[in-house]
C-alpha atoms as a PDB file:
ATOM      1  CA  UNK A   1    -114.079 -22.954  37.738  1.00  0.00           C
ATOM      2  CA  UNK A   2    -117.201 -25.005  37.139  1.00  0.00           C
ATOM      3  CA  UNK A   3    -118.938 -27.617  39.266  1.00  0.00           C
ATOM      4  CA  UNK A   4    -122.144 -29.607  39.571  1.00  0.00           C
ATOM      5  CA  UNK A   5    -124.042 -30.297  42.780  1.00  0.00           C
ATOM      6  CA  UNK A   6    -126.189 -33.431  42.775  1.00  0.00           C
ATOM      7  CA  UNK A   7    -129.319 -32.407  44.690  1.00  0.00           C
ATOM      8  CA  UNK A   8    -132.125 -34.291  42.936  1.00  0.00           C
ATOM      9  CA  UNK A   9    -132.370 -37.322  45.236  1.00  0.00           C
ATOM     10  CA  UNK A  10    -135.595 -38.367  46.946  1.00  0.00           C
ATOM     11  CA  UNK A  11    -133.971 -38.750  50.364  1.00  0.00           C
ATOM     12  CA  UNK A  12    -135.994 -41.873  51.142  1.00  0.00           C
ATOM     13  CA  UNK A  13    -133.719 -42.898  54.021  1.00  0.00           C
ATOM     14  CA  UNK A  14    -134.454 -39.567  55.718  1.00  0.00           C
ATOM     15  CA  UNK A  15    -138.241 -39.835  55.702  1.00  0.00           C
ATOM     16  CA  UNK A  16    -140.349 -38.298  57.190  1.00  0.00           C
ATOM     17  CA  UNK A  17    -137.938 -35.325  57.135  1.00  0.00           C
ATOM     18  CA  UNK A  18    -138.008 -35.363  53.334  1.00  0.00           C
ATOM     19  CA  UNK A  19    -141.744 -35.924  52.848  1.00  0.00           C
ATOM     20  CA  UNK A  20    -142.352 -32.204  52.383  1.00  0.00           C
ATOM     21  CA  UNK A  21    -138.831 -30.873  51.911  1.00  0.00           C
ATOM     22  CA  UNK A  22    -135.930 -31.765  49.596  1.00  0.00           C
ATOM     23  CA  UNK A  23    -132.987 -33.446  51.267  1.00  0.00           C
ATOM     24  CA  UNK A  24    -130.680 -30.662  50.095  1.00  0.00           C
ATOM     25  CA  UNK A  25    -132.575 -28.164  52.274  1.00  0.00           C
ATOM     26  CA  UNK A  26    -132.287 -30.145  55.505  1.00  0.00           C
ATOM     27  CA  UNK A  27    -130.159 -28.497  58.169  1.00  0.00           C
ATOM     28  CA  UNK A  28    -126.669 -29.752  59.048  1.00  0.00           C
ATOM     29  CA  UNK A  29    -125.601 -27.586  61.954  1.00  0.00           C
ATOM     30  CA  UNK A  30    -125.676 -23.922  60.858  1.00  0.00           C
ATOM     31  CA  UNK A  31    -126.105 -24.707  57.152  1.00  0.00           C
ATOM     32  CA  UNK A  32    -128.548 -26.423  54.883  1.00  0.00           C
ATOM     33  CA  UNK A  33    -126.815 -29.240  53.030  1.00  0.00           C
ATOM     34  CA  UNK A  34    -127.107 -27.263  49.807  1.00  0.00           C
ATOM     35  CA  UNK A  35    -125.702 -24.100  51.391  1.00  0.00           C
ATOM     36  CA  UNK A  36    -122.748 -26.063  52.771  1.00  0.00           C
ATOM     37  CA  UNK A  37    -122.024 -27.548  49.345  1.00  0.00           C
ATOM     38  CA  UNK A  38    -122.230 -24.175  47.582  1.00  0.00           C
ATOM     39  CA  UNK A  39    -120.042 -22.386  50.123  1.00  0.00           C
ATOM     40  CA  UNK A  40    -117.501 -25.185  50.093  1.00  0.00           C
ATOM     41  CA  UNK A  41    -117.267 -25.074  46.318  1.00  0.00           C
ATOM     42  CA  UNK A  42    -117.127 -21.284  46.271  1.00  0.00           C
ATOM     43  CA  UNK A  43    -114.323 -21.189  48.866  1.00  0.00           C
ATOM     44  CA  UNK A  44    -112.240 -23.462  46.599  1.00  0.00           C
ATOM     45  CA  UNK A  45    -112.781 -21.280  43.527  1.00  0.00           C
ATOM     46  CA  UNK A  46    -115.747 -23.112  41.969  1.00  0.00           C
ATOM     47  CA  UNK A  47    -118.161 -20.223  41.505  1.00  0.00           C
ATOM     48  CA  UNK A  48    -119.967 -21.382  38.354  1.00  0.00           C
ATOM     49  CA  UNK A  49    -122.314 -24.143  39.472  1.00  0.00           C
ATOM     50  CA  UNK A  50    -125.141 -26.182  38.005  1.00  0.00           C
ATOM     51  CA  UNK A  51    -127.532 -27.975  40.367  1.00  0.00           C
ATOM     52  CA  UNK A  52    -129.863 -30.789  39.342  1.00  0.00           C
ATOM     53  CA  UNK A  53    -133.290 -30.825  40.990  1.00  0.00           C
ATOM     54  CA  UNK A  54    -136.247 -33.217  41.127  1.00  0.00           C
ATOM     55  CA  UNK A  55    -137.834 -33.770  44.558  1.00  0.00           C
ATOM     56  CA  UNK A  56    -139.615 -30.530  45.614  1.00  0.00           C
ATOM     57  CA  UNK A  57    -137.636 -28.729  42.912  1.00  0.00           C
ATOM     58  CA  UNK A  58    -139.471 -25.362  43.246  1.00  0.00           C
ATOM     59  CA  UNK A  59    -138.388 -25.126  46.886  1.00  0.00           C
ATOM     60  CA  UNK A  60    -134.729 -25.319  45.881  1.00  0.00           C
ATOM     61  CA  UNK A  61    -135.159 -22.751  43.122  1.00  0.00           C
ATOM     62  CA  UNK A  62    -136.920 -20.344  45.526  1.00  0.00           C
ATOM     63  CA  UNK A  63    -134.278 -20.918  48.202  1.00  0.00           C
ATOM     64  CA  UNK A  64    -131.486 -19.997  45.794  1.00  0.00           C
ATOM     65  CA  UNK A  65    -133.329 -16.885  44.624  1.00  0.00           C
ATOM     66  CA  UNK A  66    -133.958 -15.762  48.220  1.00  0.00           C
ATOM     67  CA  UNK A  67    -130.250 -16.118  48.981  1.00  0.00           C
ATOM     68  CA  UNK A  68    -129.070 -14.547  45.706  1.00  0.00           C
ATOM     69  CA  UNK A  69    -127.298 -17.789  44.783  1.00  0.00           C
ATOM     70  CA  UNK A  70    -124.849 -17.204  47.650  1.00  0.00           C
ATOM     71  CA  UNK A  71    -122.818 -14.978  45.352  1.00  0.00           C
ATOM     72  CA  UNK A  72    -122.273 -17.630  42.677  1.00  0.00           C
ATOM     73  CA  UNK A  73    -123.371 -18.053  39.084  1.00  0.00           C
ATOM     74  CA  UNK A  74    -125.894 -20.878  39.375  1.00  0.00           C
ATOM     75  CA  UNK A  75    -127.858 -22.742  36.708  1.00  0.00           C
ATOM     76  CA  UNK A  76    -130.571 -25.346  37.277  1.00  0.00           C
ATOM     77  CA  UNK A  77    -130.854 -28.704  35.514  1.00  0.00           C
ATOM     78  CA  UNK A  78    -134.517 -29.613  36.001  1.00  0.00           C
ATOM     79  CA  UNK A  79    -135.263 -33.333  36.302  1.00  0.00           C
ATOM     80  CA  UNK A  80    -138.813 -32.836  37.571  1.00  0.00           C
ATOM     81  CA  UNK A  81    -140.225 -35.064  34.815  1.00  0.00           C
ATOM     82  CA  UNK A  82    -137.784 -37.931  35.417  1.00  0.00           C
ATOM     83  CA  UNK A  83    -135.077 -38.573  37.998  1.00  0.00           C
ATOM     84  CA  UNK A  84    -132.037 -39.479  35.881  1.00  0.00           C
ATOM     85  CA  UNK A  85    -129.607 -40.918  38.481  1.00  0.00           C
ATOM     86  CA  UNK A  86    -126.013 -39.678  38.632  1.00  0.00           C
ATOM     87  CA  UNK A  87    -124.896 -40.448  35.079  1.00  0.00           C
ATOM     88  CA  UNK A  88    -128.080 -39.349  33.376  1.00  0.00           C
ATOM     89  CA  UNK A  89    -128.166 -36.196  35.475  1.00  0.00           C
ATOM     90  CA  UNK A  90    -124.614 -35.273  34.509  1.00  0.00           C
ATOM     91  CA  UNK A  91    -125.238 -35.976  30.843  1.00  0.00           C
ATOM     92  CA  UNK A  92    -128.323 -33.738  30.825  1.00  0.00           C
ATOM     93  CA  UNK A  93    -126.250 -30.946  32.400  1.00  0.00           C
ATOM     94  CA  UNK A  94    -123.273 -31.476  30.079  1.00  0.00           C
ATOM     95  CA  UNK A  95    -124.070 -28.296  28.118  1.00  0.00           C
ATOM     96  CA  UNK A  96    -122.858 -26.316  31.145  1.00  0.00           C
ATOM     97  CA  UNK A  97    -119.307 -27.627  30.723  1.00  0.00           C
ATOM     98  CA  UNK A  98    -118.810 -26.398  27.161  1.00  0.00           C
ATOM     99  CA  UNK A  99    -115.526 -24.647  28.091  1.00  0.00           C
ATOM    100  CA  UNK A 100    -113.798 -28.038  27.862  1.00  0.00           C
ATOM    101  CA  UNK A 101    -112.114 -27.758  31.279  1.00  0.00           C
ATOM    102  CA  UNK A 102    -112.338 -30.423  33.988  1.00  0.00           C
ATOM    103  CA  UNK A 103    -115.229 -29.861  36.381  1.00  0.00           C
ATOM    104  CA  UNK A 104    -116.059 -31.022  39.890  1.00  0.00           C
ATOM    105  CA  UNK A 105    -119.145 -33.036  40.856  1.00  0.00           C
ATOM    106  CA  UNK A 106    -120.239 -32.810  44.490  1.00  0.00           C
ATOM    107  CA  UNK A 107    -122.996 -34.844  46.113  1.00  0.00           C
ATOM    108  CA  UNK A 108    -125.093 -32.554  48.334  1.00  0.00           C
ATOM    109  CA  UNK A 109    -125.071 -35.271  51.038  1.00  0.00           C
ATOM    110  CA  UNK A 110    -121.382 -34.806  51.813  1.00  0.00           C
ATOM    111  CA  UNK A 111    -120.111 -32.653  54.665  1.00  0.00           C
ATOM    112  CA  UNK A 112    -116.381 -32.518  55.408  1.00  0.00           C
ATOM    113  CA  UNK A 113    -113.108 -30.634  55.208  1.00  0.00           C
ATOM    114  CA  UNK A 114    -111.570 -32.176  52.082  1.00  0.00           C
ATOM    115  CA  UNK A 115    -109.416 -29.638  50.205  1.00  0.00           C
ATOM    116  CA  UNK A 116    -111.217 -29.423  46.861  1.00  0.00           C
ATOM    117  CA  UNK A 117    -108.527 -27.262  45.272  1.00  0.00           C
ATOM    118  CA  UNK A 118    -105.899 -29.900  46.117  1.00  0.00           C
ATOM    119  CA  UNK A 119    -108.170 -32.525  44.553  1.00  0.00           C
ATOM    120  CA  UNK A 120    -108.506 -30.462  41.364  1.00  0.00           C
ATOM    121  CA  UNK A 121    -104.740 -29.930  41.162  1.00  0.00           C
ATOM    122  CA  UNK A 122    -104.187 -33.678  41.626  1.00  0.00           C
ATOM    123  CA  UNK A 123    -106.446 -34.370  38.684  1.00  0.00           C
ATOM    124  CA  UNK A 124    -104.613 -31.857  36.497  1.00  0.00           C
ATOM    125  CA  UNK A 125    -101.269 -33.468  37.362  1.00  0.00           C
ATOM    126  CA  UNK A 126    -102.375 -37.040  36.709  1.00  0.00           C
ATOM    127  CA  UNK A 127    -104.734 -36.474  33.795  1.00  0.00           C
ATOM    128  CA  UNK A 128    -107.236 -39.078  32.731  1.00  0.00           C
ATOM    129  CA  UNK A 129    -110.963 -38.972  32.161  1.00  0.00           C
ATOM    130  CA  UNK A 130    -111.953 -38.803  35.845  1.00  0.00           C
ATOM    131  CA  UNK A 131    -110.625 -38.735  39.422  1.00  0.00           C
ATOM    132  CA  UNK A 132    -112.825 -40.249  42.149  1.00  0.00           C
ATOM    133  CA  UNK A 133    -112.530 -39.340  45.838  1.00  0.00           C
ATOM    134  CA  UNK A 134    -112.373 -42.463  48.002  1.00  0.00           C
ATOM    135  CA  UNK A 135    -111.949 -43.228  51.695  1.00  0.00           C
ATOM    136  CA  UNK A 136    -111.065 -46.257  53.784  1.00  0.00           C
ATOM    137  CA  UNK A 137    -114.407 -46.756  55.520  1.00  0.00           C
ATOM    138  CA  UNK A 138    -116.934 -49.534  56.023  1.00  0.00           C
ATOM    139  CA  UNK A 139    -119.690 -49.911  53.448  1.00  0.00           C
ATOM    140  CA  UNK A 140    -121.323 -52.725  51.485  1.00  0.00           C
ATOM    141  CA  UNK A 141    -120.200 -51.560  48.029  1.00  0.00           C
ATOM    142  CA  UNK A 142    -116.585 -50.812  47.178  1.00  0.00           C
ATOM    143  CA  UNK A 143    -114.655 -49.503  44.223  1.00  0.00           C
ATOM    144  CA  UNK A 144    -111.549 -51.543  43.471  1.00  0.00           C
ATOM    145  CA  UNK A 145    -108.185 -49.964  42.622  1.00  0.00           C
ATOM    146  CA  UNK A 146    -104.844 -51.378  41.536  1.00  0.00           C
ATOM    147  CA  UNK A 147    -101.452 -50.401  42.970  1.00  0.00           C
ATOM    148  CA  UNK A 148    -101.400 -47.246  40.810  1.00  0.00           C
ATOM    149  CA  UNK A 149    -104.850 -46.168  42.063  1.00  0.00           C
ATOM    150  CA  UNK A 150    -106.402 -46.934  38.691  1.00  0.00           C
ATOM    151  CA  UNK A 151    -110.033 -48.021  38.921  1.00  0.00           C
ATOM    152  CA  UNK A 152    -110.245 -51.729  38.159  1.00  0.00           C
ATOM    153  CA  UNK A 153    -113.643 -52.867  39.398  1.00  0.00           C
ATOM    154  CA  UNK A 154    -116.524 -52.868  41.864  1.00  0.00           C
ATOM    155  CA  UNK A 155    -117.658 -55.255  44.577  1.00  0.00           C
ATOM    156  CA  UNK A 156    -120.766 -55.697  46.699  1.00  0.00           C
ATOM    157  CA  UNK A 157    -119.563 -57.614  49.745  1.00  0.00           C
ATOM    158  CA  UNK A 158    -123.120 -58.355  50.897  1.00  0.00           C
ATOM    159  CA  UNK A 159    -124.256 -60.043  47.693  1.00  0.00           C
ATOM    160  CA  UNK A 160    -120.843 -61.244  46.510  1.00  0.00           C
ATOM    161  CA  UNK A 161    -121.259 -59.495  43.144  1.00  0.00           C
ATOM    162  CA  UNK A 162    -117.892 -58.646  41.578  1.00  0.00           C
ATOM    163  CA  UNK A 163    -117.333 -56.615  38.415  1.00  0.00           C
ATOM    164  CA  UNK A 164    -113.855 -56.569  36.862  1.00  0.00           C
ATOM    165  CA  UNK A 165    -112.788 -55.558  33.331  1.00  0.00           C
ATOM    166  CA  UNK A 166    -111.539 -58.550  31.373  1.00  0.00           C
ATOM    167  CA  UNK A 167    -107.935 -57.322  31.303  1.00  0.00           C
ATOM    168  CA  UNK A 168    -107.633 -56.927  35.079  1.00  0.00           C
ATOM    169  CA  UNK A 169    -106.274 -59.368  37.634  1.00  0.00           C
ATOM    170  CA  UNK A 170    -107.596 -59.885  41.151  1.00  0.00           C
ATOM    171  CA  UNK A 171    -104.965 -57.773  42.947  1.00  0.00           C
ATOM    172  CA  UNK A 172    -106.828 -54.733  44.160  1.00  0.00           C
ATOM    173  CA  UNK A 173    -107.644 -52.495  47.131  1.00  0.00           C
ATOM    174  CA  UNK A 174    -111.225 -51.915  48.268  1.00  0.00           C
ATOM    175  CA  UNK A 175    -112.089 -48.251  48.906  1.00  0.00           C
ATOM    176  CA  UNK A 176    -115.413 -46.489  49.441  1.00  0.00           C
ATOM    177  CA  UNK A 177    -116.527 -43.791  47.003  1.00  0.00           C
ATOM    178  CA  UNK A 178    -117.245 -40.421  48.629  1.00  0.00           C
ATOM    179  CA  UNK A 179    -119.573 -38.905  46.029  1.00  0.00           C
ATOM    180  CA  UNK A 180    -117.025 -36.314  44.865  1.00  0.00           C
ATOM    181  CA  UNK A 181    -115.219 -36.504  41.523  1.00  0.00           C
ATOM    182  CA  UNK A 182    -113.368 -34.440  38.937  1.00  0.00           C
ATOM    183  CA  UNK A 183    -114.403 -35.175  35.352  1.00  0.00           C
ATOM    184  CA  UNK A 184    -113.065 -34.209  31.951  1.00  0.00           C
ATOM    185  CA  UNK A 185    -115.951 -33.204  29.627  1.00  0.00           C
ATOM    186  CA  UNK A 186    -114.532 -35.696  27.106  1.00  0.00           C
ATOM    187  CA  UNK A 187    -116.252 -38.351  29.211  1.00  0.00           C
ATOM    188  CA  UNK A 188    -119.569 -37.403  27.620  1.00  0.00           C
ATOM    189  CA  UNK A 189    -118.294 -38.381  24.163  1.00  0.00           C
ATOM    190  CA  UNK A 190    -117.508 -41.842  25.533  1.00  0.00           C
ATOM    191  CA  UNK A 191    -120.860 -42.284  27.279  1.00  0.00           C
ATOM    192  CA  UNK A 192    -123.272 -44.320  25.176  1.00  0.00           C
ATOM    193  CA  UNK A 193    -126.023 -44.598  27.797  1.00  0.00           C
ATOM    194  CA  UNK A 194    -129.094 -42.399  27.529  1.00  0.00           C
ATOM    195  CA  UNK A 195    -131.814 -41.450  29.995  1.00  0.00           C
ATOM    196  CA  UNK A 196    -131.454 -42.766  33.535  1.00  0.00           C
ATOM    197  CA  UNK A 197    -128.150 -44.442  34.437  1.00  0.00           C
ATOM    198  CA  UNK A 198    -125.461 -44.514  37.104  1.00  0.00           C
ATOM    199  CA  UNK A 199    -122.122 -42.821  36.474  1.00  0.00           C
ATOM    200  CA  UNK A 200    -120.446 -45.724  38.286  1.00  0.00           C
ATOM    201  CA  UNK A 201    -121.643 -48.055  35.514  1.00  0.00           C
ATOM    202  CA  UNK A 202    -120.029 -45.701  33.004  1.00  0.00           C
ATOM    203  CA  UNK A 203    -116.760 -45.641  34.927  1.00  0.00           C
ATOM    204  CA  UNK A 204    -116.676 -49.423  35.134  1.00  0.00           C
ATOM    205  CA  UNK A 205    -117.350 -49.793  31.411  1.00  0.00           C
ATOM    206  CA  UNK A 206    -114.393 -47.488  30.674  1.00  0.00           C
ATOM    207  CA  UNK A 207    -111.998 -48.690  33.377  1.00  0.00           C
ATOM    208  CA  UNK A 208    -110.245 -51.124  31.058  1.00  0.00           C
ATOM    209  CA  UNK A 209    -109.448 -48.499  28.423  1.00  0.00           C
ATOM    210  CA  UNK A 210    -109.392 -45.074  30.114  1.00  0.00           C
ATOM    211  CA  UNK A 211    -107.441 -43.578  33.012  1.00  0.00           C
ATOM    212  CA  UNK A 212    -109.818 -43.293  35.954  1.00  0.00           C
ATOM    213  CA  UNK A 213    -107.875 -42.517  39.101  1.00  0.00           C
ATOM    214  CA  UNK A 214    -108.724 -42.691  42.771  1.00  0.00           C
ATOM    215  CA  UNK A 215    -107.884 -39.811  45.114  1.00  0.00           C
ATOM    216  CA  UNK A 216    -107.311 -41.184  48.610  1.00  0.00           C
ATOM    217  CA  UNK A 217    -109.039 -38.833  51.041  1.00  0.00           C
ATOM    218  CA  UNK A 218    -107.493 -38.716  54.503  1.00  0.00           C
ATOM    219  CA  UNK A 219    -109.258 -35.546  55.632  1.00  0.00           C
ATOM    220  CA  UNK A 220    -110.157 -35.535  59.309  1.00  0.00           C
ATOM    221  CA  UNK A 221    -113.823 -34.555  59.007  1.00  0.00           C
ATOM    222  CA  UNK A 222    -116.316 -36.391  56.796  1.00  0.00           C
ATOM    223  CA  UNK A 223    -119.955 -37.478  56.886  1.00  0.00           C
ATOM    224  CA  UNK A 224    -122.539 -38.701  54.407  1.00  0.00           C
ATOM    225  CA  UNK A 225    -125.777 -37.082  55.582  1.00  0.00           C
ATOM    226  CA  UNK A 226    -128.032 -39.607  53.868  1.00  0.00           C
ATOM    227  CA  UNK A 227    -129.470 -41.145  57.061  1.00  0.00           C
ATOM    228  CA  UNK A 228    -130.883 -39.570  60.265  1.00  0.00           C
ATOM    229  CA  UNK A 229    -127.914 -40.595  62.417  1.00  0.00           C
ATOM    230  CA  UNK A 230    -125.383 -39.426  59.846  1.00  0.00           C
ATOM    231  CA  UNK A 231    -127.281 -36.151  59.324  1.00  0.00           C
ATOM    232  CA  UNK A 232    -126.758 -35.462  63.022  1.00  0.00           C
ATOM    233  CA  UNK A 233    -123.053 -36.291  62.649  1.00  0.00           C
ATOM    234  CA  UNK A 234    -122.846 -34.011  59.603  1.00  0.00           C
ATOM    235  CA  UNK A 235    -124.328 -31.207  61.671  1.00  0.00           C
ATOM    236  CA  UNK A 236    -121.622 -31.585  64.310  1.00  0.00           C
ATOM    237  CA  UNK A 237    -118.951 -31.511  61.624  1.00  0.00           C
ATOM    238  CA  UNK A 238    -120.471 -28.474  59.909  1.00  0.00           C
ATOM    239  CA  UNK A 239    -120.296 -26.601  63.226  1.00  0.00           C
ATOM    240  CA  UNK A 240    -116.497 -26.923  63.009  1.00  0.00           C
ATOM    241  CA  UNK A 241    -116.170 -25.578  59.472  1.00  0.00           C
ATOM    242  CA  UNK A 242    -116.261 -21.930  58.464  1.00  0.00           C
ATOM    243  CA  UNK A 243    -115.889 -20.351  55.029  1.00  0.00           C
ATOM    244  CA  UNK A 244    -114.067 -17.206  53.965  1.00  0.00           C
END
């Protein structure tokens, strides 16, 4: 099965740790964040992986070569010239998903024990253009879902900004996106944006016409290693997780 790891971010919240090193190569317990992501994907059967790179890209390429791609088939989507954000990065890498099967996108920040195979099976059962992993946790920006876990909007509770498709009512549940999703390659045919753009903007533009489901993640271990304090937490979690 195929997957994409998002590893191109600048890691600004982790400076100075990321001044001379890409965020994906920071240590979380016994693993680099990138190693954890690759091994987690591989253990769930995702052994064909494309990784986007930008910040200190040659370091990531060398790291993968030194570790023989951790036994996976790995391609690189090079964004050295321009950081394309999540949507633009996926669209540039879309050639990798030419088999037409759903693929998994995994943010290299995330460390946890979510069952990725169960997530993939859920998507196959429910269909639709995408399935987004969400958790009940505190954040400033939420995705909004109706009673059937269909995406119906987005809200920033700090600024009060609310985005709802015209055909949606105001009955929804706020849940935080976890940076993991399953996507049908058909999404790329529906994506009109070019260059740099957020995949969340794409999802919101399609939420009124396409099935975009939420997958409620109740796994016991989870951390977003995007800040120094959460990187430390991710390291403690990674210590508890082993791979076959």
